[in-house]
């Protein structure tokens, strides 16, 4: 997805809406994949059923923390790695979802790149 430079007129609302929807869809896919990784890991390493694995994965991905404390060594290692991954994933997903909105706001306010030569 590319965004226009500061000297180009503001994109029409329909284009902006399409960009927001595209970013939102990408965010949802990333959340679904992250949840699937967590669910699979908890079911495989800890032997949790689907609902409990979903609950644990969703709680860690949302930053709330685990509901089930891992009992196996593999489960503990997976939970730690998944927690670290989730922290970065949330930041990345938020950046992707909010990028078109922040870009439009900066563009509308004429906030230009600071490294650009003002003569060009």
C-alpha atoms as a PDB file:
ATOM      1  CA  UNK A   1       0.000   0.000   0.000  1.00  0.00           C
ATOM      2  CA  UNK A   2       1.509   3.340  -0.982  1.00  0.00           C
ATOM      3  CA  UNK A   3       0.531   6.765   0.215  1.00  0.00           C
ATOM      4  CA  UNK A   4       0.919  10.066  -1.660  1.00  0.00           C
ATOM      5  CA  UNK A   5       3.503  12.709  -0.715  1.00  0.00           C
ATOM      6  CA  UNK A   6       2.535  15.987   0.993  1.00  0.00           C
ATOM      7  CA  UNK A   7       2.302  18.065  -2.198  1.00  0.00           C
ATOM      8  CA  UNK A   8      -0.400  15.860  -3.723  1.00  0.00           C
ATOM      9  CA  UNK A   9      -4.041  16.755  -2.947  1.00  0.00           C
ATOM     10  CA  UNK A  10      -5.868  14.805  -0.247  1.00  0.00           C
ATOM     11  CA  UNK A  11      -7.327  11.530  -1.521  1.00  0.00           C
ATOM     12  CA  UNK A  12     -11.111  11.373  -1.906  1.00  0.00           C
ATOM     13  CA  UNK A  13     -13.053   9.885   1.000  1.00  0.00           C
ATOM     14  CA  UNK A  14     -13.851   6.745  -1.004  1.00  0.00           C
ATOM     15  CA  UNK A  15     -10.132   6.048  -1.532  1.00  0.00           C
ATOM     16  CA  UNK A  16      -9.457   6.704   2.161  1.00  0.00           C
ATOM     17  CA  UNK A  17     -12.321   4.407   3.168  1.00  0.00           C
ATOM     18  CA  UNK A  18     -10.903   1.658   0.942  1.00  0.00           C
ATOM     19  CA  UNK A  19      -7.462   2.075   2.531  1.00  0.00           C
ATOM     20  CA  UNK A  20      -8.929   1.897   6.040  1.00  0.00           C
ATOM     21  CA  UNK A  21     -10.911  -1.243   5.150  1.00  0.00           C
ATOM     22  CA  UNK A  22      -7.854  -2.868   3.572  1.00  0.00           C
ATOM     23  CA  UNK A  23      -5.752  -2.105   6.647  1.00  0.00           C
ATOM     24  CA  UNK A  24      -8.538  -3.397   8.898  1.00  0.00           C
ATOM     25  CA  UNK A  25      -8.790  -6.629   6.932  1.00  0.00           C
ATOM     26  CA  UNK A  26      -5.024  -7.098   7.130  1.00  0.00           C
ATOM     27  CA  UNK A  27      -5.207  -6.527  10.892  1.00  0.00           C
ATOM     28  CA  UNK A  28      -7.998  -9.074  11.296  1.00  0.00           C
ATOM     29  CA  UNK A  29      -6.044 -11.665   9.323  1.00  0.00           C
ATOM     30  CA  UNK A  30      -2.983 -11.052  11.489  1.00  0.00           C
ATOM     31  CA  UNK A  31      -5.047 -11.411  14.677  1.00  0.00           C
ATOM     32  CA  UNK A  32      -6.634 -14.627  13.366  1.00  0.00           C
ATOM     33  CA  UNK A  33      -3.231 -16.106  12.456  1.00  0.00           C
ATOM     34  CA  UNK A  34      -1.788 -15.093  15.836  1.00  0.00           C
ATOM     35  CA  UNK A  35      -4.742 -16.686  17.638  1.00  0.00           C
ATOM     36  CA  UNK A  36      -4.391 -19.837  15.545  1.00  0.00           C
ATOM     37  CA  UNK A  37      -0.721 -20.119  16.513  1.00  0.00           C
ATOM     38  CA  UNK A  38      -1.613 -19.689  20.189  1.00  0.00           C
ATOM     39  CA  UNK A  39      -4.512 -22.137  20.084  1.00  0.00           C
ATOM     40  CA  UNK A  40      -2.419 -24.754  18.298  1.00  0.00           C
ATOM     41  CA  UNK A  41       0.449 -24.329  20.753  1.00  0.00           C
ATOM     42  CA  UNK A  42      -1.706 -24.598  23.853  1.00  0.00           C
ATOM     43  CA  UNK A  43      -3.561 -27.596  22.497  1.00  0.00           C
ATOM     44  CA  UNK A  44      -0.323 -29.318  21.509  1.00  0.00           C
ATOM     45  CA  UNK A  45       1.928 -28.494  24.460  1.00  0.00           C
ATOM     46  CA  UNK A  46      -0.592 -28.354  27.295  1.00  0.00           C
ATOM     47  CA  UNK A  47      -3.333 -30.655  26.033  1.00  0.00           C
ATOM     48  CA  UNK A  48      -6.026 -28.006  26.489  1.00  0.00           C
ATOM     49  CA  UNK A  49      -9.321 -28.348  24.658  1.00  0.00           C
ATOM     50  CA  UNK A  50     -10.126 -25.820  21.931  1.00  0.00           C
ATOM     51  CA  UNK A  51     -12.136 -23.429  24.091  1.00  0.00           C
ATOM     52  CA  UNK A  52      -9.548 -23.248  26.881  1.00  0.00           C
ATOM     53  CA  UNK A  53      -6.727 -22.896  24.346  1.00  0.00           C
ATOM     54  CA  UNK A  54      -8.630 -20.072  22.624  1.00  0.00           C
ATOM     55  CA  UNK A  55      -9.218 -18.330  25.947  1.00  0.00           C
ATOM     56  CA  UNK A  56      -5.549 -18.524  26.910  1.00  0.00           C
ATOM     57  CA  UNK A  57      -4.323 -17.387  23.492  1.00  0.00           C
ATOM     58  CA  UNK A  58      -6.797 -14.502  23.370  1.00  0.00           C
ATOM     59  CA  UNK A  59      -5.926 -13.353  26.878  1.00  0.00           C
ATOM     60  CA  UNK A  60      -2.195 -13.344  26.156  1.00  0.00           C
ATOM     61  CA  UNK A  61      -2.646 -11.692  22.749  1.00  0.00           C
ATOM     62  CA  UNK A  62      -4.764  -8.948  24.302  1.00  0.00           C
ATOM     63  CA  UNK A  63      -2.189  -8.333  27.025  1.00  0.00           C
ATOM     64  CA  UNK A  64      -4.320  -9.576  29.925  1.00  0.00           C
ATOM     65  CA  UNK A  65      -2.120 -12.548  30.778  1.00  0.00           C
ATOM     66  CA  UNK A  66      -2.660 -16.291  30.872  1.00  0.00           C
ATOM     67  CA  UNK A  67      -5.635 -18.002  32.478  1.00  0.00           C
ATOM     68  CA  UNK A  68      -4.036 -21.440  32.570  1.00  0.00           C
ATOM     69  CA  UNK A  69      -0.568 -21.750  34.061  1.00  0.00           C
ATOM     70  CA  UNK A  70       1.515 -24.119  31.933  1.00  0.00           C
ATOM     71  CA  UNK A  71       2.550 -27.336  33.640  1.00  0.00           C
ATOM     72  CA  UNK A  72       4.906 -28.929  31.101  1.00  0.00           C
ATOM     73  CA  UNK A  73       8.370 -27.656  30.191  1.00  0.00           C
ATOM     74  CA  UNK A  74       7.325 -27.339  26.536  1.00  0.00           C
ATOM     75  CA  UNK A  75       4.190 -25.473  27.534  1.00  0.00           C
ATOM     76  CA  UNK A  76       6.176 -23.027  29.633  1.00  0.00           C
ATOM     77  CA  UNK A  77       8.640 -22.341  26.824  1.00  0.00           C
ATOM     78  CA  UNK A  78       5.784 -21.957  24.324  1.00  0.00           C
ATOM     79  CA  UNK A  79       3.884 -19.612  26.654  1.00  0.00           C
ATOM     80  CA  UNK A  80       6.950 -17.402  27.093  1.00  0.00           C
ATOM     81  CA  UNK A  81       7.712 -17.229  23.382  1.00  0.00           C
ATOM     82  CA  UNK A  82       4.036 -16.654  22.546  1.00  0.00           C
ATOM     83  CA  UNK A  83       3.831 -13.843  25.099  1.00  0.00           C
ATOM     84  CA  UNK A  84       6.873 -12.096  23.604  1.00  0.00           C
ATOM     85  CA  UNK A  85       5.494 -12.616  20.090  1.00  0.00           C
ATOM     86  CA  UNK A  86       2.101 -11.267  21.172  1.00  0.00           C
ATOM     87  CA  UNK A  87       3.609  -8.066  22.516  1.00  0.00           C
ATOM     88  CA  UNK A  88       5.275  -7.330  19.186  1.00  0.00           C
ATOM     89  CA  UNK A  89       2.264  -8.539  17.185  1.00  0.00           C
ATOM     90  CA  UNK A  90      -0.110  -6.141  18.935  1.00  0.00           C
ATOM     91  CA  UNK A  91       2.187  -3.200  18.194  1.00  0.00           C
ATOM     92  CA  UNK A  92       2.598  -4.237  14.556  1.00  0.00           C
ATOM     93  CA  UNK A  93      -1.109  -4.859  14.023  1.00  0.00           C
ATOM     94  CA  UNK A  94      -2.016  -1.504  15.581  1.00  0.00           C
ATOM     95  CA  UNK A  95       0.514   0.256  13.345  1.00  0.00           C
ATOM     96  CA  UNK A  96      -0.933  -1.372  10.227  1.00  0.00           C
ATOM     97  CA  UNK A  97      -4.550  -0.674  11.167  1.00  0.00           C
ATOM     98  CA  UNK A  98      -4.019   2.968  12.150  1.00  0.00           C
ATOM     99  CA  UNK A  99      -1.514   3.877   9.390  1.00  0.00           C
ATOM    100  CA  UNK A 100      -4.092   5.180   6.868  1.00  0.00           C
ATOM    101  CA  UNK A 101      -5.866   7.260   9.515  1.00  0.00           C
ATOM    102  CA  UNK A 102      -2.661   8.805  10.864  1.00  0.00           C
ATOM    103  CA  UNK A 103      -1.367   9.381   7.330  1.00  0.00           C
ATOM    104  CA  UNK A 104      -4.543  11.213   6.311  1.00  0.00           C
ATOM    105  CA  UNK A 105      -4.437  13.351   9.448  1.00  0.00           C
ATOM    106  CA  UNK A 106      -0.791  14.306   8.811  1.00  0.00           C
ATOM    107  CA  UNK A 107      -1.513  14.955   5.149  1.00  0.00           C
ATOM    108  CA  UNK A 108      -4.558  17.071   5.988  1.00  0.00           C
ATOM    109  CA  UNK A 109      -2.529  19.113   8.461  1.00  0.00           C
ATOM    110  CA  UNK A 110       0.279  19.488   5.882  1.00  0.00           C
ATOM    111  CA  UNK A 111       2.863  17.806   8.054  1.00  0.00           C
ATOM    112  CA  UNK A 112       5.660  17.175   5.575  1.00  0.00           C
ATOM    113  CA  UNK A 113       8.749  15.008   5.815  1.00  0.00           C
ATOM    114  CA  UNK A 114      11.494  16.764   7.756  1.00  0.00           C
ATOM    115  CA  UNK A 115      14.294  15.305   5.616  1.00  0.00           C
ATOM    116  CA  UNK A 116      12.846  16.681   2.379  1.00  0.00           C
ATOM    117  CA  UNK A 117      14.424  19.747   0.787  1.00  0.00           C
ATOM    118  CA  UNK A 118      11.777  22.555   0.908  1.00  0.00           C
ATOM    119  CA  UNK A 119      12.878  23.729  -2.582  1.00  0.00           C
ATOM    120  CA  UNK A 120      11.680  20.509  -4.227  1.00  0.00           C
END
